């Protein structure tokens, strides 16, 4: 397993635990639709939450949240639409980004609710 994959897996685990502590119900992790993937699908009350997790060591190149560009957003929206259709979900949906920055043995977590909105 590559170090980048290990870092991503560790970040997703931290994000899941964080969301669960906030009372979110985790519905799926690493959900695939064709070659698209949603890191975490959760419920926050009556709201479906699609979560993209970005983990990095330090911020020398870019903040993790900056790695969620227009192409990634388009893929997340398409995958979310597939999940909603497949599960016949009838609730409001929002897209969150959780950025985790690892430094030595510690990390900083930033949660961006409603990080972006799908366009009609």
Protein backbone atom coordinates (compact mmCIF):
# COMPACT_ATOMS: atom_id res chain seq x y z
CA UNK A 1 0.00 0.00 0.00
CA UNK A 2 1.37 3.43 -0.92
CA UNK A 3 1.96 6.11 1.67
CA UNK A 4 -0.59 8.33 -0.07
CA UNK A 5 -3.23 5.57 0.14
CA UNK A 6 -2.40 4.96 3.80
CA UNK A 7 -2.70 8.68 4.52
CA UNK A 8 -6.06 8.83 2.71
CA UNK A 9 -7.38 5.79 4.58
CA UNK A 10 -6.28 7.25 7.91
CA UNK A 11 -7.92 10.57 7.04
CA UNK A 12 -11.19 8.88 6.10
CA UNK A 13 -11.19 6.91 9.36
CA UNK A 14 -10.67 10.12 11.37
CA UNK A 15 -13.44 11.85 9.38
CA UNK A 16 -15.88 8.97 10.01
CA UNK A 17 -15.19 9.00 13.74
CA UNK A 18 -15.56 12.80 13.82
CA UNK A 19 -18.92 12.67 12.02
CA UNK A 20 -20.19 9.87 14.27
CA UNK A 21 -19.28 11.91 17.36
CA UNK A 22 -21.40 14.73 15.93
CA UNK A 23 -24.34 12.31 15.65
CA UNK A 24 -24.18 11.61 11.92
CA UNK A 25 -25.25 8.15 10.77
CA UNK A 26 -22.73 6.67 8.33
CA UNK A 27 -24.60 5.02 5.45
CA UNK A 28 -21.67 4.06 3.20
CA UNK A 29 -17.95 4.54 2.78
CA UNK A 30 -15.94 4.41 -0.42
CA UNK A 31 -19.13 4.03 -2.46
CA UNK A 32 -18.40 3.49 -6.16
CA UNK A 33 -20.33 4.40 -9.27
CA UNK A 34 -18.39 3.45 -12.39
CA UNK A 35 -14.98 5.03 -11.77
CA UNK A 36 -16.31 7.69 -9.37
CA UNK A 37 -16.08 7.31 -5.61
CA UNK A 38 -17.76 9.00 -2.68
CA UNK A 39 -15.62 8.83 0.47
CA UNK A 40 -18.46 9.02 3.00
CA UNK A 41 -22.24 9.08 2.67
CA UNK A 42 -24.01 10.00 5.89
CA UNK A 43 -27.25 11.31 7.34
CA UNK A 44 -27.30 14.45 9.45
CA UNK A 45 -30.84 14.47 10.78
CA UNK A 46 -33.05 14.33 7.69
CA UNK A 47 -30.29 15.52 5.36
CA UNK A 48 -28.18 13.28 3.13
CA UNK A 49 -24.53 14.36 3.32
CA UNK A 50 -21.97 13.54 0.64
CA UNK A 51 -18.50 13.96 2.15
CA UNK A 52 -15.20 14.31 0.30
CA UNK A 53 -12.19 13.78 2.55
CA UNK A 54 -8.83 15.30 1.66
CA UNK A 55 -5.78 14.50 3.78
CA UNK A 56 -2.30 15.97 3.41
CA UNK A 57 0.93 16.22 5.35
CA UNK A 58 1.51 19.93 5.81
CA UNK A 59 0.27 22.69 3.52
CA UNK A 60 3.47 23.45 1.60
CA UNK A 61 1.86 22.95 -1.80
CA UNK A 62 -1.84 23.54 -1.29
CA UNK A 63 -4.48 23.32 1.39
CA UNK A 64 -6.29 19.97 1.14
CA UNK A 65 -9.61 21.68 0.42
CA UNK A 66 -8.08 23.28 -2.68
CA UNK A 67 -7.76 19.81 -4.20
CA UNK A 68 -11.53 19.70 -4.73
CA UNK A 69 -11.75 21.36 -8.12
CA UNK A 70 -14.55 21.64 -10.66
CA UNK A 71 -13.84 18.23 -12.20
CA UNK A 72 -13.96 16.49 -8.80
CA UNK A 73 -17.15 18.38 -7.94
CA UNK A 74 -18.77 17.22 -11.19
CA UNK A 75 -17.81 13.60 -10.44
CA UNK A 76 -19.15 13.83 -6.88
CA UNK A 77 -22.46 15.24 -8.11
CA UNK A 78 -22.82 12.46 -10.71
CA UNK A 79 -22.02 9.78 -8.13
CA UNK A 80 -24.41 11.35 -5.61
CA UNK A 81 -27.20 11.37 -8.21
CA UNK A 82 -26.56 7.67 -8.85
CA UNK A 83 -26.64 6.90 -5.10
CA UNK A 84 -29.88 8.86 -4.64
CA UNK A 85 -31.49 7.08 -7.59
CA UNK A 86 -30.26 3.63 -6.50
CA UNK A 87 -31.42 4.06 -2.89
CA UNK A 88 -34.57 5.99 -3.80
CA UNK A 89 -33.62 8.75 -1.35
CA UNK A 90 -36.09 11.57 -0.97
CA UNK A 91 -34.32 14.08 1.24
CA UNK A 92 -32.30 17.25 0.95
CA UNK A 93 -28.66 16.65 0.04
CA UNK A 94 -25.58 18.65 0.83
CA UNK A 95 -21.93 18.32 -0.10
CA UNK A 96 -19.28 18.70 2.60
CA UNK A 97 -15.50 18.62 2.48
CA UNK A 98 -13.38 17.51 5.40
CA UNK A 99 -9.73 18.55 5.19
CA UNK A 100 -7.21 16.87 7.45
CA UNK A 101 -3.66 18.15 7.77
CA UNK A 102 -1.22 15.80 9.47
CA UNK A 103 1.85 17.25 11.18
CA UNK A 104 4.10 14.86 13.08
CA UNK A 105 1.82 12.78 15.35
CA UNK A 106 -1.01 15.33 15.40
CA UNK A 107 -3.61 16.49 12.90
CA UNK A 108 -5.91 19.42 12.28
CA UNK A 109 -9.41 18.78 10.94
CA UNK A 110 -11.51 21.37 9.12
CA UNK A 111 -15.13 20.64 8.20
CA UNK A 112 -16.67 22.68 5.40
CA UNK A 113 -20.44 22.21 5.39
CA UNK A 114 -22.16 23.06 2.10
CA UNK A 115 -18.73 23.27 0.48
CA UNK A 116 -20.37 23.54 -2.93
CA UNK A 117 -23.81 23.42 -4.50
CA UNK A 118 -24.83 21.40 -7.54
CA UNK A 119 -26.08 23.56 -10.36
CA UNK A 120 -29.37 22.89 -12.06
